[in-house]
């Protein structure tokens, strides 16, 4: 009887442990997102405000395609459309030569793993941002004067931003080291809805072209302008 009772207790404990693992995995499962994310972008060093004044970034997604809109005083509006399944993206540019959709095929990109200078360390407790409860991560980089706290939504995939794959969730507060200094990105609006499908298409008046072809045209146009000026 004693052995039978011990076996029964072990079975019950095993079943309970299995159920806890299953429920934990369901609780941590990420859910897809459709809608719009709005970020404000500010230079961390206030001395660089003149070079890189505060601006905004909008990310629209239907969970298959993302449309990212940036605006800068130097380049105006920049739009990037990325198909996450086909691993292709288009950068929409309006130039003096016309309107172009510059294509990049990420599936053919160099797959060699490169070492990253970023160091990530998880932190306890959560912070609230734009109405969302976010997890914390302390990130170090040689260009950061000190470690910077990143925030992310653990239950939402990070694929919509296509940055920092080491972060296990959607980044809602993060920083990027650039040639002009460190830029801080912070979520200010989290809007779930079904975006208009027209947002994710390439306008008919834009010519699809590879990056190399675009460069060739720009160089040729510059040479012709110099030639006619002589």
C-alpha atoms as a PDB file:
ATOM      1  CA  UNK A   1       0.000   0.000   0.000  1.00  0.00           C
ATOM      2  CA  UNK A   2       2.852   2.311   0.882  1.00  0.00           C
ATOM      3  CA  UNK A   3       4.548   1.836  -2.502  1.00  0.00           C
ATOM      4  CA  UNK A   4       1.237   2.329  -4.326  1.00  0.00           C
ATOM      5  CA  UNK A   5       0.588   5.505  -2.375  1.00  0.00           C
ATOM      6  CA  UNK A   6       4.058   6.853  -3.139  1.00  0.00           C
ATOM      7  CA  UNK A   7       3.583   6.113  -6.845  1.00  0.00           C
ATOM      8  CA  UNK A   8       0.193   7.870  -6.795  1.00  0.00           C
ATOM      9  CA  UNK A   9       1.694  10.929  -5.103  1.00  0.00           C
ATOM     10  CA  UNK A  10       4.541  11.027  -7.656  1.00  0.00           C
ATOM     11  CA  UNK A  11       2.036  10.823 -10.512  1.00  0.00           C
ATOM     12  CA  UNK A  12      -0.017  13.675  -9.051  1.00  0.00           C
ATOM     13  CA  UNK A  13       3.097  15.822  -8.576  1.00  0.00           C
ATOM     14  CA  UNK A  14       4.248  15.062 -12.118  1.00  0.00           C
ATOM     15  CA  UNK A  15       0.844  15.959 -13.560  1.00  0.00           C
ATOM     16  CA  UNK A  16       0.705  19.204 -11.589  1.00  0.00           C
ATOM     17  CA  UNK A  17       4.220  20.134 -12.700  1.00  0.00           C
ATOM     18  CA  UNK A  18       3.344  19.420 -16.340  1.00  0.00           C
ATOM     19  CA  UNK A  19       0.185  21.518 -16.098  1.00  0.00           C
ATOM     20  CA  UNK A  20       2.160  24.409 -14.629  1.00  0.00           C
ATOM     21  CA  UNK A  21       4.649  24.237 -17.494  1.00  0.00           C
ATOM     22  CA  UNK A  22       1.855  24.201 -20.072  1.00  0.00           C
ATOM     23  CA  UNK A  23      -0.007  27.100 -18.475  1.00  0.00           C
ATOM     24  CA  UNK A  24       3.249  29.046 -18.200  1.00  0.00           C
ATOM     25  CA  UNK A  25       4.009  28.540 -21.890  1.00  0.00           C
ATOM     26  CA  UNK A  26       0.514  29.728 -22.839  1.00  0.00           C
ATOM     27  CA  UNK A  27       0.852  32.757 -20.556  1.00  0.00           C
ATOM     28  CA  UNK A  28       4.119  33.756 -22.227  1.00  0.00           C
ATOM     29  CA  UNK A  29       2.878  33.213 -25.779  1.00  0.00           C
ATOM     30  CA  UNK A  30       3.174  36.316 -27.916  1.00  0.00           C
ATOM     31  CA  UNK A  31       0.162  37.690 -29.742  1.00  0.00           C
ATOM     32  CA  UNK A  32       0.191  39.413 -33.125  1.00  0.00           C
ATOM     33  CA  UNK A  33      -0.378  43.146 -33.460  1.00  0.00           C
ATOM     34  CA  UNK A  34      -2.182  45.151 -36.143  1.00  0.00           C
ATOM     35  CA  UNK A  35      -2.393  48.899 -35.968  1.00  0.00           C
ATOM     36  CA  UNK A  36      -0.105  51.894 -35.532  1.00  0.00           C
ATOM     37  CA  UNK A  37       2.841  52.656 -33.269  1.00  0.00           C
ATOM     38  CA  UNK A  38       4.025  56.235 -32.835  1.00  0.00           C
ATOM     39  CA  UNK A  39       7.494  56.994 -31.456  1.00  0.00           C
ATOM     40  CA  UNK A  40       9.168  60.281 -30.646  1.00  0.00           C
ATOM     41  CA  UNK A  41      12.870  60.489 -31.494  1.00  0.00           C
ATOM     42  CA  UNK A  42      15.209  62.776 -29.571  1.00  0.00           C
ATOM     43  CA  UNK A  43      19.012  63.113 -29.427  1.00  0.00           C
ATOM     44  CA  UNK A  44      20.356  61.981 -26.049  1.00  0.00           C
ATOM     45  CA  UNK A  45      22.963  64.740 -26.099  1.00  0.00           C
ATOM     46  CA  UNK A  46      21.123  68.071 -26.120  1.00  0.00           C
ATOM     47  CA  UNK A  47      24.138  69.624 -27.868  1.00  0.00           C
ATOM     48  CA  UNK A  48      23.151  67.624 -30.985  1.00  0.00           C
ATOM     49  CA  UNK A  49      19.627  69.008 -31.093  1.00  0.00           C
ATOM     50  CA  UNK A  50      20.510  71.363 -33.950  1.00  0.00           C
ATOM     51  CA  UNK A  51      21.951  68.492 -36.020  1.00  0.00           C
ATOM     52  CA  UNK A  52      19.201  66.009 -35.180  1.00  0.00           C
ATOM     53  CA  UNK A  53      16.129  67.811 -33.803  1.00  0.00           C
ATOM     54  CA  UNK A  54      13.286  65.830 -32.272  1.00  0.00           C
ATOM     55  CA  UNK A  55      11.105  64.084 -34.834  1.00  0.00           C
ATOM     56  CA  UNK A  56       8.638  61.220 -35.067  1.00  0.00           C
ATOM     57  CA  UNK A  57       8.405  57.701 -36.437  1.00  0.00           C
ATOM     58  CA  UNK A  58       5.154  55.940 -37.331  1.00  0.00           C
ATOM     59  CA  UNK A  59       4.931  52.178 -37.806  1.00  0.00           C
ATOM     60  CA  UNK A  60       1.802  50.694 -39.413  1.00  0.00           C
ATOM     61  CA  UNK A  61       1.353  46.928 -39.682  1.00  0.00           C
ATOM     62  CA  UNK A  62      -1.181  44.265 -40.668  1.00  0.00           C
ATOM     63  CA  UNK A  63       1.100  41.615 -39.053  1.00  0.00           C
ATOM     64  CA  UNK A  64       2.512  40.633 -42.469  1.00  0.00           C
ATOM     65  CA  UNK A  65       3.738  43.960 -43.850  1.00  0.00           C
ATOM     66  CA  UNK A  66       5.029  47.049 -42.080  1.00  0.00           C
ATOM     67  CA  UNK A  67       5.061  50.635 -43.278  1.00  0.00           C
ATOM     68  CA  UNK A  68       7.532  52.850 -41.421  1.00  0.00           C
ATOM     69  CA  UNK A  69       7.387  56.626 -41.842  1.00  0.00           C
ATOM     70  CA  UNK A  70      10.144  58.963 -40.674  1.00  0.00           C
ATOM     71  CA  UNK A  71      10.422  62.709 -41.125  1.00  0.00           C
ATOM     72  CA  UNK A  72      13.605  64.776 -40.904  1.00  0.00           C
ATOM     73  CA  UNK A  73      14.310  68.379 -41.797  1.00  0.00           C
ATOM     74  CA  UNK A  74      17.206  67.322 -44.011  1.00  0.00           C
ATOM     75  CA  UNK A  75      15.536  64.560 -46.066  1.00  0.00           C
ATOM     76  CA  UNK A  76      11.840  65.190 -45.542  1.00  0.00           C
ATOM     77  CA  UNK A  77       9.517  62.193 -45.342  1.00  0.00           C
ATOM     78  CA  UNK A  78      11.009  58.722 -45.733  1.00  0.00           C
ATOM     79  CA  UNK A  79       8.785  55.679 -46.182  1.00  0.00           C
ATOM     80  CA  UNK A  80       9.891  52.039 -45.962  1.00  0.00           C
ATOM     81  CA  UNK A  81       7.569  49.122 -46.739  1.00  0.00           C
ATOM     82  CA  UNK A  82       8.774  45.706 -45.545  1.00  0.00           C
ATOM     83  CA  UNK A  83       7.181  42.321 -46.243  1.00  0.00           C
ATOM     84  CA  UNK A  84       8.127  40.190 -43.226  1.00  0.00           C
ATOM     85  CA  UNK A  85       7.286  36.841 -44.856  1.00  0.00           C
ATOM     86  CA  UNK A  86       8.872  37.443 -48.275  1.00  0.00           C
ATOM     87  CA  UNK A  87      11.816  39.239 -46.622  1.00  0.00           C
ATOM     88  CA  UNK A  88      11.717  42.115 -49.085  1.00  0.00           C
ATOM     89  CA  UNK A  89      11.503  45.832 -48.511  1.00  0.00           C
ATOM     90  CA  UNK A  90      11.064  49.007 -50.540  1.00  0.00           C
ATOM     91  CA  UNK A  91      12.328  52.482 -49.703  1.00  0.00           C
ATOM     92  CA  UNK A  92      10.109  55.120 -51.328  1.00  0.00           C
ATOM     93  CA  UNK A  93      12.029  58.194 -52.464  1.00  0.00           C
ATOM     94  CA  UNK A  94      10.951  61.305 -54.357  1.00  0.00           C
ATOM     95  CA  UNK A  95      13.893  62.848 -56.244  1.00  0.00           C
ATOM     96  CA  UNK A  96      14.498  65.333 -59.057  1.00  0.00           C
ATOM     97  CA  UNK A  97      14.828  62.299 -61.362  1.00  0.00           C
ATOM     98  CA  UNK A  98      11.431  60.914 -60.398  1.00  0.00           C
ATOM     99  CA  UNK A  99       9.745  58.693 -57.831  1.00  0.00           C
ATOM    100  CA  UNK A 100      11.505  55.442 -56.967  1.00  0.00           C
ATOM    101  CA  UNK A 101      10.807  52.345 -54.863  1.00  0.00           C
ATOM    102  CA  UNK A 102      14.282  51.005 -54.071  1.00  0.00           C
ATOM    103  CA  UNK A 103      14.069  47.264 -53.475  1.00  0.00           C
ATOM    104  CA  UNK A 104      16.122  45.173 -51.052  1.00  0.00           C
ATOM    105  CA  UNK A 105      15.903  41.382 -50.922  1.00  0.00           C
ATOM    106  CA  UNK A 106      16.812  40.453 -47.349  1.00  0.00           C
ATOM    107  CA  UNK A 107      16.651  36.718 -48.093  1.00  0.00           C
ATOM    108  CA  UNK A 108      19.821  37.140 -50.186  1.00  0.00           C
ATOM    109  CA  UNK A 109      21.628  39.224 -47.599  1.00  0.00           C
ATOM    110  CA  UNK A 110      24.904  38.109 -46.081  1.00  0.00           C
ATOM    111  CA  UNK A 111      24.016  35.542 -43.422  1.00  0.00           C
ATOM    112  CA  UNK A 112      27.429  35.563 -41.718  1.00  0.00           C
ATOM    113  CA  UNK A 113      26.924  36.259 -38.035  1.00  0.00           C
ATOM    114  CA  UNK A 114      28.690  39.388 -36.842  1.00  0.00           C
ATOM    115  CA  UNK A 115      29.667  40.157 -33.272  1.00  0.00           C
ATOM    116  CA  UNK A 116      27.563  42.834 -31.613  1.00  0.00           C
ATOM    117  CA  UNK A 117      28.945  45.533 -29.346  1.00  0.00           C
ATOM    118  CA  UNK A 118      25.685  45.672 -27.414  1.00  0.00           C
ATOM    119  CA  UNK A 119      25.440  43.930 -24.030  1.00  0.00           C
ATOM    120  CA  UNK A 120      21.973  43.118 -22.656  1.00  0.00           C
ATOM    121  CA  UNK A 121      21.000  42.500 -19.035  1.00  0.00           C
ATOM    122  CA  UNK A 122      17.419  41.858 -17.849  1.00  0.00           C
ATOM    123  CA  UNK A 123      16.054  43.800 -14.884  1.00  0.00           C
ATOM    124  CA  UNK A 124      13.273  43.024 -12.401  1.00  0.00           C
ATOM    125  CA  UNK A 125       9.923  44.827 -12.169  1.00  0.00           C
ATOM    126  CA  UNK A 126       8.031  46.640 -14.920  1.00  0.00           C
ATOM    127  CA  UNK A 127       7.421  50.208 -15.998  1.00  0.00           C
ATOM    128  CA  UNK A 128       4.347  51.734 -17.619  1.00  0.00           C
ATOM    129  CA  UNK A 129       4.695  53.572 -20.923  1.00  0.00           C
ATOM    130  CA  UNK A 130       1.983  54.813 -23.312  1.00  0.00           C
ATOM    131  CA  UNK A 131      -0.582  52.890 -21.247  1.00  0.00           C
ATOM    132  CA  UNK A 132       1.343  49.602 -21.548  1.00  0.00           C
ATOM    133  CA  UNK A 133       3.197  47.604 -18.886  1.00  0.00           C
ATOM    134  CA  UNK A 134       6.709  47.010 -20.184  1.00  0.00           C
ATOM    135  CA  UNK A 135       9.614  44.787 -19.160  1.00  0.00           C
ATOM    136  CA  UNK A 136      13.053  46.282 -18.578  1.00  0.00           C
ATOM    137  CA  UNK A 137      16.472  45.616 -20.081  1.00  0.00           C
ATOM    138  CA  UNK A 138      19.742  47.423 -19.323  1.00  0.00           C
ATOM    139  CA  UNK A 139      21.837  47.822 -22.474  1.00  0.00           C
ATOM    140  CA  UNK A 140      25.496  48.816 -22.755  1.00  0.00           C
ATOM    141  CA  UNK A 141      27.450  49.938 -25.825  1.00  0.00           C
ATOM    142  CA  UNK A 142      30.853  51.628 -26.297  1.00  0.00           C
ATOM    143  CA  UNK A 143      29.088  54.727 -27.688  1.00  0.00           C
ATOM    144  CA  UNK A 144      26.759  54.955 -24.672  1.00  0.00           C
ATOM    145  CA  UNK A 145      28.240  57.139 -21.922  1.00  0.00           C
ATOM    146  CA  UNK A 146      26.458  54.873 -19.446  1.00  0.00           C
ATOM    147  CA  UNK A 147      24.124  51.837 -19.678  1.00  0.00           C
ATOM    148  CA  UNK A 148      20.661  52.749 -20.987  1.00  0.00           C
ATOM    149  CA  UNK A 149      17.359  51.232 -19.913  1.00  0.00           C
ATOM    150  CA  UNK A 150      15.324  49.705 -22.750  1.00  0.00           C
ATOM    151  CA  UNK A 151      11.635  48.838 -22.329  1.00  0.00           C
ATOM    152  CA  UNK A 152       9.750  46.158 -24.262  1.00  0.00           C
ATOM    153  CA  UNK A 153       6.358  44.445 -24.390  1.00  0.00           C
ATOM    154  CA  UNK A 154       7.000  40.772 -23.744  1.00  0.00           C
ATOM    155  CA  UNK A 155       3.681  39.576 -25.205  1.00  0.00           C
ATOM    156  CA  UNK A 156       4.102  41.443 -28.512  1.00  0.00           C
ATOM    157  CA  UNK A 157       6.671  40.315 -31.131  1.00  0.00           C
ATOM    158  CA  UNK A 158       9.645  42.555 -31.892  1.00  0.00           C
ATOM    159  CA  UNK A 159       9.462  41.776 -35.639  1.00  0.00           C
ATOM    160  CA  UNK A 160       7.588  44.982 -36.486  1.00  0.00           C
ATOM    161  CA  UNK A 161      10.686  47.115 -35.831  1.00  0.00           C
ATOM    162  CA  UNK A 162      13.290  44.702 -37.240  1.00  0.00           C
ATOM    163  CA  UNK A 163      15.930  45.842 -34.751  1.00  0.00           C
ATOM    164  CA  UNK A 164      17.707  44.343 -31.746  1.00  0.00           C
ATOM    165  CA  UNK A 165      16.706  40.680 -32.238  1.00  0.00           C
ATOM    166  CA  UNK A 166      18.157  40.009 -28.774  1.00  0.00           C
ATOM    167  CA  UNK A 167      15.154  41.745 -27.180  1.00  0.00           C
ATOM    168  CA  UNK A 168      12.324  39.181 -26.605  1.00  0.00           C
ATOM    169  CA  UNK A 169       9.448  41.558 -27.308  1.00  0.00           C
ATOM    170  CA  UNK A 170       8.324  44.786 -28.964  1.00  0.00           C
ATOM    171  CA  UNK A 171      10.639  47.655 -28.100  1.00  0.00           C
ATOM    172  CA  UNK A 172       8.790  50.688 -26.738  1.00  0.00           C
ATOM    173  CA  UNK A 173      11.795  52.608 -25.415  1.00  0.00           C
ATOM    174  CA  UNK A 174      15.274  52.157 -26.839  1.00  0.00           C
ATOM    175  CA  UNK A 175      18.346  53.959 -28.134  1.00  0.00           C
ATOM    176  CA  UNK A 176      20.484  53.685 -31.263  1.00  0.00           C
ATOM    177  CA  UNK A 177      24.124  54.723 -31.625  1.00  0.00           C
ATOM    178  CA  UNK A 178      24.524  56.688 -34.893  1.00  0.00           C
ATOM    179  CA  UNK A 179      27.241  58.732 -36.551  1.00  0.00           C
ATOM    180  CA  UNK A 180      25.500  61.871 -35.253  1.00  0.00           C
ATOM    181  CA  UNK A 181      25.240  60.591 -31.687  1.00  0.00           C
ATOM    182  CA  UNK A 182      22.799  58.468 -29.693  1.00  0.00           C
ATOM    183  CA  UNK A 183      19.106  58.770 -30.583  1.00  0.00           C
ATOM    184  CA  UNK A 184      16.383  57.871 -28.075  1.00  0.00           C
ATOM    185  CA  UNK A 185      13.129  56.304 -29.298  1.00  0.00           C
ATOM    186  CA  UNK A 186      10.066  56.327 -27.038  1.00  0.00           C
ATOM    187  CA  UNK A 187       6.563  55.039 -27.743  1.00  0.00           C
ATOM    188  CA  UNK A 188       3.878  57.721 -27.340  1.00  0.00           C
ATOM    189  CA  UNK A 189       0.897  55.971 -28.952  1.00  0.00           C
ATOM    190  CA  UNK A 190      -0.150  52.303 -29.147  1.00  0.00           C
ATOM    191  CA  UNK A 191      -3.212  52.063 -31.399  1.00  0.00           C
ATOM    192  CA  UNK A 192      -4.713  48.655 -32.248  1.00  0.00           C
ATOM    193  CA  UNK A 193      -6.971  48.634 -35.335  1.00  0.00           C
ATOM    194  CA  UNK A 194      -7.068  47.334 -38.913  1.00  0.00           C
ATOM    195  CA  UNK A 195      -5.083  49.732 -41.148  1.00  0.00           C
ATOM    196  CA  UNK A 196      -6.203  50.457 -44.727  1.00  0.00           C
ATOM    197  CA  UNK A 197      -4.533  47.891 -47.025  1.00  0.00           C
ATOM    198  CA  UNK A 198      -3.548  50.694 -49.431  1.00  0.00           C
ATOM    199  CA  UNK A 199      -0.928  51.784 -46.902  1.00  0.00           C
ATOM    200  CA  UNK A 200       1.136  48.692 -47.672  1.00  0.00           C
ATOM    201  CA  UNK A 201       1.204  48.914 -51.467  1.00  0.00           C
ATOM    202  CA  UNK A 202       3.708  50.573 -53.796  1.00  0.00           C
ATOM    203  CA  UNK A 203       2.064  53.599 -55.476  1.00  0.00           C
ATOM    204  CA  UNK A 204       1.662  53.136 -59.239  1.00  0.00           C
ATOM    205  CA  UNK A 205       3.669  56.298 -60.009  1.00  0.00           C
ATOM    206  CA  UNK A 206       6.761  54.897 -58.255  1.00  0.00           C
ATOM    207  CA  UNK A 207       9.280  52.955 -60.337  1.00  0.00           C
ATOM    208  CA  UNK A 208      10.643  49.770 -58.720  1.00  0.00           C
ATOM    209  CA  UNK A 209      14.410  49.708 -58.979  1.00  0.00           C
ATOM    210  CA  UNK A 210      17.415  48.062 -57.304  1.00  0.00           C
ATOM    211  CA  UNK A 211      19.795  50.080 -55.146  1.00  0.00           C
ATOM    212  CA  UNK A 212      22.645  49.655 -57.662  1.00  0.00           C
ATOM    213  CA  UNK A 213      20.441  50.853 -60.521  1.00  0.00           C
ATOM    214  CA  UNK A 214      19.381  53.863 -58.470  1.00  0.00           C
ATOM    215  CA  UNK A 215      23.017  54.767 -57.748  1.00  0.00           C
ATOM    216  CA  UNK A 216      23.925  54.422 -61.438  1.00  0.00           C
ATOM    217  CA  UNK A 217      21.152  56.846 -62.397  1.00  0.00           C
ATOM    218  CA  UNK A 218      22.178  59.354 -59.758  1.00  0.00           C
ATOM    219  CA  UNK A 219      25.835  59.222 -60.836  1.00  0.00           C
ATOM    220  CA  UNK A 220      24.904  59.539 -64.513  1.00  0.00           C
ATOM    221  CA  UNK A 221      22.634  62.515 -63.803  1.00  0.00           C
ATOM    222  CA  UNK A 222      25.405  64.214 -61.808  1.00  0.00           C
ATOM    223  CA  UNK A 223      27.951  63.665 -64.616  1.00  0.00           C
ATOM    224  CA  UNK A 224      25.527  65.049 -67.199  1.00  0.00           C
ATOM    225  CA  UNK A 225      24.867  68.119 -65.040  1.00  0.00           C
ATOM    226  CA  UNK A 226      28.588  68.759 -64.635  1.00  0.00           C
ATOM    227  CA  UNK A 227      29.152  68.269 -68.359  1.00  0.00           C
ATOM    228  CA  UNK A 228      26.457  70.731 -69.364  1.00  0.00           C
ATOM    229  CA  UNK A 229      27.764  73.283 -66.861  1.00  0.00           C
ATOM    230  CA  UNK A 230      31.210  73.361 -68.528  1.00  0.00           C
END
